[in-house]
């Protein structure tokens, strides 16, 4: 069956970790896959190379309006390259950009969506974007937020954290699996087994456990130290930094916490992210 399985999340929410798990699960190797192999098995939708492949080297991949106009066609052509489902990473929200739907639902088979506490996203995104904490909090609350195109990637419209989460998760669908980053950390076997069953991977418990081990955060950090990682931000020393939850407790001050909660209360409440003492503000 041809089509796309989306691996979606707001930036710095566990998308690459999920890609590593899936790549290791599907390849079923005894040891961890190199990061370059992970990128091949679970690739990105926003790669400039897709647009150059389909529309020629002269296609203006830094022209967001042109990209938006052909994005759905690019996705259709990507799906057509494979006789089996293709896993594509995205950080776009599920909506429109420049008058065009971002996602081509005609070639969409399913989606795995990862949500992470925005209090932790704010501190993780800051070094990734080269922001201070307050600037990062503002970015998460800006409905117009989008990444900048560069030589590797076309732009992605993330929108604000709440809209991103709501757009992907507001309607329950059998083809949608919604996961919390915190459950990936705290209950890895249960959570990743759900993923394996969702994509109909015929793997044993032993194979799933091995894939979890081969894609652990510590393993990914070691791989990055050995071979580097092409998706690392120019603003940060490493891509895989801590891989923890609750770091906001030692980083954000009271006013910063309140700003995040005020901006995202509805979606935070849905996923159990509002800290004690901030239920009403």
Protein backbone atom coordinates (compact mmCIF):
# COMPACT_ATOMS: atom_id res chain seq x y z
CA UNK A 1 0.00 0.00 0.00
CA UNK A 2 1.37 3.37 -1.04
CA UNK A 3 1.01 6.47 1.08
CA UNK A 4 2.44 8.56 3.89
CA UNK A 5 2.52 7.93 7.63
CA UNK A 6 3.20 11.29 9.23
CA UNK A 7 5.50 11.58 12.24
CA UNK A 8 4.38 14.93 13.57
CA UNK A 9 5.20 17.08 16.58
CA UNK A 10 5.96 20.62 17.56
CA UNK A 11 9.76 21.12 17.35
CA UNK A 12 11.83 19.67 20.22
CA UNK A 13 9.12 17.26 21.28
CA UNK A 14 10.59 13.83 20.53
CA UNK A 15 10.08 13.46 16.78
CA UNK A 16 13.65 12.41 16.03
CA UNK A 17 13.61 9.97 18.92
CA UNK A 18 10.49 8.38 17.43
CA UNK A 19 12.14 8.20 14.03
CA UNK A 20 15.13 6.44 15.57
CA UNK A 21 12.89 3.89 17.27
CA UNK A 22 10.95 3.15 14.09
CA UNK A 23 14.08 2.88 11.96
CA UNK A 24 15.65 0.46 14.43
CA UNK A 25 12.42 -1.50 14.75
CA UNK A 26 11.90 -1.87 11.01
CA UNK A 27 15.53 -2.72 10.25
CA UNK A 28 15.70 -5.23 13.11
CA UNK A 29 19.46 -4.93 13.53
CA UNK A 30 21.26 -6.19 16.66
CA UNK A 31 23.01 -2.86 17.22
CA UNK A 32 21.96 0.79 16.90
CA UNK A 33 21.56 2.15 13.40
CA UNK A 34 23.82 5.07 12.44
CA UNK A 35 21.96 8.37 12.41
CA UNK A 36 22.44 8.62 8.66
CA UNK A 37 20.49 5.37 8.25
CA UNK A 38 17.74 6.61 10.54
CA UNK A 39 17.37 9.65 8.29
CA UNK A 40 17.04 7.44 5.22
CA UNK A 41 14.40 5.14 6.68
CA UNK A 42 12.36 7.88 8.37
CA UNK A 43 13.08 10.94 6.28
CA UNK A 44 11.77 14.50 6.34
CA UNK A 45 8.99 16.02 4.26
CA UNK A 46 10.59 19.46 4.15
CA UNK A 47 13.87 18.46 2.49
CA UNK A 48 14.94 20.82 -0.28
CA UNK A 49 16.13 17.78 -2.23
CA UNK A 50 12.52 16.67 -2.89
CA UNK A 51 11.68 19.97 -4.59
CA UNK A 52 14.88 19.94 -6.63
CA UNK A 53 14.21 16.34 -7.66
CA UNK A 54 10.66 16.98 -8.82
CA UNK A 55 10.86 20.56 -10.14
CA UNK A 56 14.50 21.06 -11.09
CA UNK A 57 17.53 22.68 -9.52
CA UNK A 58 16.22 26.16 -10.27
CA UNK A 59 13.06 25.79 -8.19
CA UNK A 60 13.06 28.64 -5.61
CA UNK A 61 12.89 26.63 -2.38
CA UNK A 62 13.29 29.82 -0.34
CA UNK A 63 10.06 31.24 -1.81
CA UNK A 64 7.48 30.20 0.79
CA UNK A 65 4.49 30.96 -1.44
CA UNK A 66 5.85 28.80 -4.27
CA UNK A 67 6.64 26.02 -1.85
CA UNK A 68 3.12 26.18 -0.36
CA UNK A 69 1.57 25.98 -3.83
CA UNK A 70 3.34 22.72 -4.77
CA UNK A 71 3.74 21.09 -1.35
CA UNK A 72 0.77 18.76 -1.79
CA UNK A 73 2.09 17.66 -5.19
CA UNK A 74 5.51 17.00 -3.68
CA UNK A 75 3.91 14.76 -1.07
CA UNK A 76 1.99 12.91 -3.78
CA UNK A 77 5.19 12.29 -5.72
CA UNK A 78 7.08 11.16 -2.62
CA UNK A 79 4.34 8.62 -1.87
CA UNK A 80 4.53 7.41 -5.47
CA UNK A 81 8.22 6.59 -5.16
CA UNK A 82 7.55 3.78 -2.70
CA UNK A 83 5.40 0.66 -2.95
CA UNK A 84 5.08 0.55 0.83
CA UNK A 85 4.10 3.25 3.35
CA UNK A 86 6.73 5.96 3.79
CA UNK A 87 7.35 7.58 7.17
CA UNK A 88 7.76 11.34 6.87
CA UNK A 89 8.72 13.74 9.64
CA UNK A 90 6.95 17.08 9.86
CA UNK A 91 6.74 20.00 12.28
CA UNK A 92 3.94 21.76 10.38
CA UNK A 93 0.61 22.33 12.01
CA UNK A 94 -2.37 20.67 10.35
CA UNK A 95 -3.84 23.58 8.42
CA UNK A 96 -3.23 26.06 5.63
CA UNK A 97 -0.32 28.20 4.52
CA UNK A 98 -0.53 30.90 1.84
CA UNK A 99 -4.01 29.71 0.88
CA UNK A 100 -3.05 26.05 0.39
CA UNK A 101 -3.57 23.00 2.57
CA UNK A 102 -0.20 21.94 3.94
CA UNK A 103 -0.98 18.23 3.87
CA UNK A 104 -2.22 16.15 0.97
CA UNK A 105 -4.80 13.93 2.64
CA UNK A 106 -5.30 11.90 -0.55
CA UNK A 107 -1.91 10.27 0.03
CA UNK A 108 -2.05 10.22 3.83
CA UNK A 109 -2.47 6.81 5.45
CA UNK A 110 -1.99 7.62 9.13
CA UNK A 111 -0.19 9.86 11.59
CA UNK A 112 1.69 9.55 14.86
CA UNK A 113 1.57 12.76 16.87
CA UNK A 114 3.82 13.47 19.86
CA UNK A 115 2.89 16.15 22.37
CA UNK A 116 5.29 17.48 25.02
CA UNK A 117 4.78 19.82 27.96
CA UNK A 118 5.28 23.34 26.53
CA UNK A 119 7.11 24.35 29.72
CA UNK A 120 9.84 21.89 28.72
CA UNK A 121 9.52 22.69 25.00
CA UNK A 122 10.26 26.34 25.76
CA UNK A 123 13.58 25.58 27.44
CA UNK A 124 14.57 22.93 24.88
CA UNK A 125 13.72 25.13 21.90
CA UNK A 126 15.67 28.13 23.21
CA UNK A 127 19.20 26.85 22.39
CA UNK A 128 17.93 25.15 19.22
CA UNK A 129 16.73 28.47 17.79
CA UNK A 130 19.36 30.62 19.45
CA UNK A 131 16.71 32.26 21.64
CA UNK A 132 16.65 33.40 25.22
CA UNK A 133 13.97 31.77 27.38
CA UNK A 134 11.57 34.72 27.13
CA UNK A 135 11.94 34.83 23.35
CA UNK A 136 11.31 31.10 23.19
CA UNK A 137 8.11 31.50 25.24
CA UNK A 138 6.98 34.23 22.83
CA UNK A 139 7.70 31.99 19.84
CA UNK A 140 5.53 29.20 21.26
CA UNK A 141 2.66 31.68 21.61
CA UNK A 142 2.95 33.22 18.12
CA UNK A 143 0.33 31.92 15.68
CA UNK A 144 2.52 33.06 12.76
CA UNK A 145 5.61 31.13 13.85
CA UNK A 146 7.39 29.26 11.08
CA UNK A 147 10.89 28.03 10.41
CA UNK A 148 13.18 29.74 7.94
CA UNK A 149 14.16 28.06 4.70
CA UNK A 150 17.84 27.23 4.24
CA UNK A 151 20.01 25.16 1.91
CA UNK A 152 18.65 21.90 3.37
CA UNK A 153 15.02 22.58 4.30
CA UNK A 154 12.03 24.49 2.98
CA UNK A 155 10.01 26.42 5.55
CA UNK A 156 7.57 24.76 7.93
CA UNK A 157 4.62 26.61 9.45
CA UNK A 158 4.49 25.49 13.05
CA UNK A 159 2.04 28.15 14.29
CA UNK A 160 1.78 28.45 18.06
CA UNK A 161 2.08 25.42 20.34
CA UNK A 162 -1.61 25.30 21.23
CA UNK A 163 -2.83 25.57 17.64
CA UNK A 164 -0.32 22.93 16.56
CA UNK A 165 -1.50 20.49 19.22
CA UNK A 166 -5.18 21.24 18.66
CA UNK A 167 -4.95 20.96 14.88
CA UNK A 168 -3.58 17.42 15.06
CA UNK A 169 -5.42 16.05 18.09
CA UNK A 170 -8.84 17.72 18.33
CA UNK A 171 -10.59 14.99 16.32
CA UNK A 172 -10.13 11.35 17.29
CA UNK A 173 -9.44 9.11 14.29
CA UNK A 174 -8.44 5.44 13.99
CA UNK A 175 -5.58 6.51 11.74
CA UNK A 176 -4.15 8.84 14.37
CA UNK A 177 -2.01 7.81 17.35
CA UNK A 178 -1.40 10.54 19.91
CA UNK A 179 1.44 10.06 22.39
CA UNK A 180 2.89 12.10 25.22
CA UNK A 181 6.66 12.58 25.27
CA UNK A 182 6.58 12.02 29.02
CA UNK A 183 5.07 8.55 28.53
CA UNK A 184 7.81 7.71 26.06
CA UNK A 185 10.25 8.45 28.89
CA UNK A 186 8.36 6.94 31.82
CA UNK A 187 6.67 3.95 30.15
CA UNK A 188 8.82 3.17 27.12
CA UNK A 189 7.87 -0.47 26.60
CA UNK A 190 4.13 0.17 26.83
CA UNK A 191 4.28 3.33 24.72
CA UNK A 192 6.54 2.05 21.96
CA UNK A 193 4.64 -1.24 21.81
CA UNK A 194 1.54 0.84 21.01
CA UNK A 195 3.50 2.40 18.16
CA UNK A 196 4.59 -0.98 16.81
CA UNK A 197 1.03 -2.29 16.91
CA UNK A 198 -0.34 0.91 15.36
CA UNK A 199 1.85 0.55 12.26
CA UNK A 200 1.11 -3.21 12.14
CA UNK A 201 4.76 -4.14 12.60
CA UNK A 202 4.92 -7.86 13.19
CA UNK A 203 7.58 -7.75 15.85
CA UNK A 204 8.07 -9.74 19.03
CA UNK A 205 8.40 -8.21 22.48
CA UNK A 206 12.11 -8.98 22.30
CA UNK A 207 12.48 -7.11 19.01
CA UNK A 208 10.57 -4.12 20.36
CA UNK A 209 12.72 -4.02 23.50
CA UNK A 210 15.86 -4.16 21.35
CA UNK A 211 14.63 -1.28 19.20
CA UNK A 212 13.90 0.73 22.36
CA UNK A 213 17.42 0.03 23.61
CA UNK A 214 18.98 0.89 20.24
CA UNK A 215 17.17 4.24 20.18
CA UNK A 216 17.56 5.26 23.82
CA UNK A 217 18.47 8.88 24.39
CA UNK A 218 21.89 7.94 25.74
CA UNK A 219 22.52 5.81 22.64
CA UNK A 220 21.51 8.69 20.36
CA UNK A 221 23.83 11.05 22.26
CA UNK A 222 26.72 8.61 21.81
CA UNK A 223 25.98 8.27 18.11
CA UNK A 224 25.94 12.03 17.70
CA UNK A 225 29.32 12.32 19.43
CA UNK A 226 30.81 9.74 17.08
CA UNK A 227 29.30 10.74 13.74
CA UNK A 228 27.69 14.15 14.35
CA UNK A 229 24.13 14.81 13.14
CA UNK A 230 23.22 16.88 10.11
CA UNK A 231 19.98 18.11 11.72
CA UNK A 232 21.81 19.82 14.58
CA UNK A 233 21.08 23.53 14.83
CA UNK A 234 23.91 25.97 14.15
CA UNK A 235 22.92 27.63 17.43
CA UNK A 236 23.45 24.55 19.58
CA UNK A 237 26.44 22.36 20.40
CA UNK A 238 24.39 19.19 20.11
CA UNK A 239 20.97 18.02 18.96
CA UNK A 240 20.38 15.42 21.65
CA UNK A 241 20.80 17.48 24.81
CA UNK A 242 19.07 15.99 27.87
CA UNK A 243 15.99 14.02 26.91
CA UNK A 244 14.25 14.60 30.23
CA UNK A 245 10.98 15.99 31.46
CA UNK A 246 10.43 18.53 34.23
CA UNK A 247 13.56 20.57 33.53
CA UNK A 248 11.39 23.69 33.54
CA UNK A 249 11.08 23.43 37.33
CA UNK A 250 14.72 24.46 37.75
CA UNK A 251 14.83 26.87 34.82
CA UNK A 252 11.66 28.96 34.56
CA UNK A 253 10.68 31.60 37.08
CA UNK A 254 7.15 32.11 38.34
CA UNK A 255 6.21 34.75 35.78
CA UNK A 256 7.56 32.68 32.90
CA UNK A 257 5.52 29.68 34.02
CA UNK A 258 2.40 31.84 34.24
CA UNK A 259 2.99 33.22 30.74
CA UNK A 260 3.13 29.71 29.29
CA UNK A 261 0.06 28.54 31.20
CA UNK A 262 -1.95 31.64 30.26
CA UNK A 263 -1.09 31.18 26.58
CA UNK A 264 -1.78 27.45 26.42
CA UNK A 265 -4.13 26.61 29.28
CA UNK A 266 -6.76 24.72 27.28
CA UNK A 267 -4.38 22.30 25.57
CA UNK A 268 -2.16 21.94 28.64
CA UNK A 269 -5.20 20.95 30.66
CA UNK A 270 -6.15 18.31 28.10
CA UNK A 271 -2.80 16.58 28.52
CA UNK A 272 -2.26 17.10 32.24
CA UNK A 273 0.49 19.71 31.97
CA UNK A 274 -0.72 22.49 34.25
CA UNK A 275 1.49 22.58 37.37
CA UNK A 276 -0.01 22.52 40.83
CA UNK A 277 -0.72 26.05 41.99
CA UNK A 278 -1.31 27.38 38.49
CA UNK A 279 -4.73 25.83 37.87
CA UNK A 280 -6.38 29.25 38.05
CA UNK A 281 -4.77 32.50 37.03
